N, C-alpha and C. Protein backbone atom coordinates (compact mmCIF):
# COMPACT_ATOMS: atom_id res chain seq x y z
N MET A 1 123.25 94.30 104.83
CA MET A 1 121.94 94.57 105.37
C MET A 1 121.14 95.39 104.35
N PRO A 2 119.89 94.97 104.06
CA PRO A 2 119.10 95.73 103.09
C PRO A 2 118.71 97.10 103.62
N ARG A 3 118.59 98.03 102.73
CA ARG A 3 118.19 99.38 103.12
C ARG A 3 116.67 99.46 103.19
N ARG A 4 116.17 100.28 104.07
CA ARG A 4 114.73 100.45 104.23
C ARG A 4 114.19 101.26 103.05
N LYS A 5 113.10 100.77 102.43
CA LYS A 5 112.42 101.52 101.38
C LYS A 5 111.28 102.28 102.03
N THR A 6 111.28 103.57 101.83
CA THR A 6 110.28 104.43 102.46
C THR A 6 109.34 105.00 101.41
N TYR A 7 108.05 104.93 101.70
CA TYR A 7 107.01 105.44 100.81
C TYR A 7 106.27 106.55 101.55
N HIS A 8 106.09 107.70 100.89
CA HIS A 8 105.39 108.84 101.48
C HIS A 8 104.01 108.97 100.84
N VAL A 9 103.00 109.16 101.66
CA VAL A 9 101.64 109.47 101.19
C VAL A 9 101.48 110.97 101.39
N THR A 10 101.37 111.70 100.27
CA THR A 10 101.35 113.17 100.32
C THR A 10 100.15 113.73 99.56
N PRO A 11 99.65 114.90 99.99
CA PRO A 11 98.51 115.50 99.29
C PRO A 11 98.92 116.12 97.96
N ARG A 12 97.99 116.09 97.01
CA ARG A 12 98.18 116.78 95.73
C ARG A 12 97.44 118.11 95.78
N THR A 13 97.79 119.00 94.92
CA THR A 13 97.14 120.32 94.89
C THR A 13 95.69 120.24 94.46
N ASP A 14 95.31 119.19 93.72
CA ASP A 14 93.92 119.06 93.24
C ASP A 14 93.02 118.31 94.23
N GLY A 15 93.54 117.99 95.41
CA GLY A 15 92.73 117.32 96.42
C GLY A 15 92.97 115.82 96.52
N GLY A 16 93.68 115.24 95.57
CA GLY A 16 93.99 113.82 95.61
C GLY A 16 95.24 113.55 96.43
N TRP A 17 95.71 112.31 96.37
CA TRP A 17 96.87 111.90 97.15
C TRP A 17 97.84 111.10 96.30
N ASN A 18 99.14 111.28 96.55
CA ASN A 18 100.20 110.57 95.84
C ASN A 18 100.92 109.61 96.78
N VAL A 19 101.43 108.53 96.20
CA VAL A 19 102.38 107.65 96.89
C VAL A 19 103.70 107.82 96.16
N LYS A 20 104.74 108.17 96.91
CA LYS A 20 106.03 108.43 96.28
C LYS A 20 107.13 107.76 97.10
N GLU A 21 107.97 106.99 96.41
CA GLU A 21 109.11 106.39 97.09
C GLU A 21 110.11 107.50 97.41
N GLU A 22 110.72 107.41 98.59
CA GLU A 22 111.67 108.44 99.01
C GLU A 22 112.78 108.59 97.97
N ASN A 23 113.13 109.81 97.66
CA ASN A 23 114.17 110.20 96.70
C ASN A 23 113.79 109.94 95.25
N ALA A 24 112.56 109.55 94.98
CA ALA A 24 112.12 109.38 93.59
C ALA A 24 111.73 110.75 93.03
N SER A 25 111.86 110.90 91.72
CA SER A 25 111.53 112.18 91.12
C SER A 25 110.04 112.32 90.84
N ARG A 26 109.32 111.18 90.74
CA ARG A 26 107.89 111.21 90.44
C ARG A 26 107.13 110.29 91.39
N ALA A 27 105.85 110.54 91.50
CA ALA A 27 104.99 109.68 92.33
C ALA A 27 104.85 108.33 91.65
N SER A 28 104.81 107.26 92.44
CA SER A 28 104.62 105.93 91.88
C SER A 28 103.16 105.65 91.60
N SER A 29 102.23 106.34 92.31
CA SER A 29 100.81 106.20 92.03
C SER A 29 100.06 107.41 92.55
N SER A 30 98.90 107.67 91.96
CA SER A 30 98.04 108.78 92.37
C SER A 30 96.65 108.23 92.67
N HIS A 31 95.99 108.80 93.70
CA HIS A 31 94.71 108.28 94.15
C HIS A 31 93.76 109.42 94.48
N ASP A 32 92.46 109.13 94.37
CA ASP A 32 91.45 110.13 94.69
C ASP A 32 91.29 110.32 96.18
N THR A 33 91.47 109.23 96.97
CA THR A 33 91.29 109.33 98.41
C THR A 33 92.57 108.98 99.15
N LYS A 34 92.67 109.50 100.35
CA LYS A 34 93.83 109.22 101.20
C LYS A 34 93.86 107.74 101.57
N ALA A 35 92.70 107.14 101.83
CA ALA A 35 92.63 105.73 102.21
C ALA A 35 93.19 104.83 101.10
N GLU A 36 92.87 105.14 99.85
CA GLU A 36 93.40 104.36 98.72
C GLU A 36 94.92 104.48 98.65
N ALA A 37 95.42 105.69 98.84
CA ALA A 37 96.87 105.93 98.78
C ALA A 37 97.58 105.19 99.91
N ILE A 38 97.02 105.22 101.12
CA ILE A 38 97.63 104.52 102.25
C ILE A 38 97.66 103.02 102.00
N ALA A 39 96.57 102.48 101.48
CA ALA A 39 96.51 101.04 101.19
C ALA A 39 97.59 100.64 100.19
N ARG A 40 97.78 101.43 99.15
CA ARG A 40 98.79 101.13 98.13
C ARG A 40 100.19 101.23 98.72
N ALA A 41 100.44 102.26 99.52
CA ALA A 41 101.76 102.44 100.13
C ALA A 41 102.08 101.28 101.07
N LYS A 42 101.12 100.87 101.88
CA LYS A 42 101.33 99.75 102.80
C LYS A 42 101.60 98.46 102.03
N GLU A 43 100.86 98.25 100.97
CA GLU A 43 101.05 97.06 100.13
C GLU A 43 102.48 97.03 99.57
N SER A 44 102.95 98.16 99.09
CA SER A 44 104.31 98.24 98.53
C SER A 44 105.36 98.04 99.62
N ALA A 45 105.16 98.64 100.78
CA ALA A 45 106.15 98.55 101.87
C ALA A 45 106.25 97.12 102.40
N LYS A 46 105.13 96.42 102.47
CA LYS A 46 105.11 95.05 103.00
C LYS A 46 105.84 94.07 102.08
N LYS A 47 105.99 94.41 100.82
CA LYS A 47 106.69 93.56 99.86
C LYS A 47 108.21 93.64 100.02
N GLN A 48 108.69 94.64 100.76
CA GLN A 48 110.12 94.86 100.93
C GLN A 48 110.63 94.11 102.16
N ALA A 49 111.92 93.81 102.17
CA ALA A 49 112.52 93.20 103.36
C ALA A 49 112.41 94.16 104.54
N LEU A 50 112.65 95.43 104.29
CA LEU A 50 112.45 96.51 105.27
C LEU A 50 111.67 97.62 104.58
N GLY A 51 110.45 97.88 105.04
CA GLY A 51 109.62 98.90 104.42
C GLY A 51 109.07 99.87 105.44
N GLN A 52 108.77 101.08 104.99
CA GLN A 52 108.22 102.10 105.86
C GLN A 52 107.24 102.95 105.07
N VAL A 53 106.14 103.33 105.73
CA VAL A 53 105.15 104.23 105.15
C VAL A 53 105.06 105.46 106.05
N ILE A 54 105.23 106.63 105.47
CA ILE A 54 105.08 107.88 106.20
C ILE A 54 103.87 108.59 105.61
N ILE A 55 102.86 108.81 106.46
CA ILE A 55 101.61 109.42 106.02
C ILE A 55 101.61 110.88 106.46
N HIS A 56 101.38 111.76 105.48
CA HIS A 56 101.37 113.20 105.74
C HIS A 56 99.94 113.70 105.84
N LYS A 57 99.75 114.80 106.57
CA LYS A 57 98.46 115.47 106.66
C LYS A 57 98.29 116.36 105.44
N GLN A 58 97.11 116.95 105.30
CA GLN A 58 96.82 117.85 104.19
C GLN A 58 97.79 119.03 104.16
N ASP A 59 98.27 119.47 105.34
CA ASP A 59 99.20 120.60 105.38
C ASP A 59 100.65 120.19 105.16
N GLY A 60 100.90 118.90 104.92
CA GLY A 60 102.24 118.42 104.62
C GLY A 60 103.03 117.90 105.82
N THR A 61 102.55 118.16 107.04
CA THR A 61 103.25 117.65 108.22
C THR A 61 103.00 116.15 108.35
N ILE A 62 103.85 115.47 109.11
CA ILE A 62 103.73 114.02 109.26
C ILE A 62 102.62 113.70 110.25
N GLN A 63 101.73 112.83 109.82
CA GLN A 63 100.62 112.38 110.66
C GLN A 63 101.02 111.13 111.44
N THR A 64 101.54 110.13 110.73
CA THR A 64 101.94 108.87 111.36
C THR A 64 102.90 108.12 110.43
N GLU A 65 103.52 107.08 110.98
CA GLU A 65 104.38 106.24 110.15
C GLU A 65 104.27 104.80 110.61
N HIS A 66 104.47 103.89 109.67
CA HIS A 66 104.41 102.46 109.93
C HIS A 66 105.67 101.81 109.36
N THR A 67 106.23 100.85 110.08
CA THR A 67 107.39 100.12 109.57
C THR A 67 107.05 98.65 109.45
N TYR A 68 107.66 97.99 108.48
CA TYR A 68 107.40 96.58 108.18
C TYR A 68 108.72 95.86 108.00
N GLY A 69 108.72 94.57 108.31
CA GLY A 69 109.93 93.77 108.16
C GLY A 69 110.66 93.67 109.48
N LYS A 70 111.74 92.93 109.47
CA LYS A 70 112.52 92.72 110.68
C LYS A 70 113.39 93.94 110.95
N ASP A 71 113.17 94.55 112.09
CA ASP A 71 113.94 95.72 112.46
C ASP A 71 115.37 95.32 112.81
N PRO A 72 116.36 95.96 112.21
CA PRO A 72 117.75 95.58 112.46
C PRO A 72 118.29 96.04 113.82
N TYR A 73 117.46 96.61 114.68
CA TYR A 73 117.94 97.04 115.99
C TYR A 73 117.44 96.08 117.05
N PRO A 74 118.17 95.61 118.00
CA PRO A 74 119.57 95.94 118.20
C PRO A 74 120.45 95.22 117.20
N PRO A 75 121.55 95.84 116.82
CA PRO A 75 122.43 95.20 115.85
C PRO A 75 123.08 93.93 116.43
N GLU A 76 123.33 93.00 115.53
CA GLU A 76 124.00 91.76 115.96
C GLU A 76 125.46 92.01 116.29
N GLY A 77 126.01 91.23 117.23
CA GLY A 77 127.43 91.30 117.53
C GLY A 77 127.70 92.22 118.61
């Protein structure tokens, strides 16, 4: 079963927004607006067999999340 790839949309200290794959050491892209960052994260997640986007607020708490692909629950068998 493929593992879910999770992308986080997080605020930068300069007011911009980053898209970062979970457990990555660096952001995969940087954007001036939150809307641009969300669009890029969703685009990346939709390309995966199982993808997820977690959108954070300016204070770092989770605002919302979206999942894409066929959910493996309930498990077969």
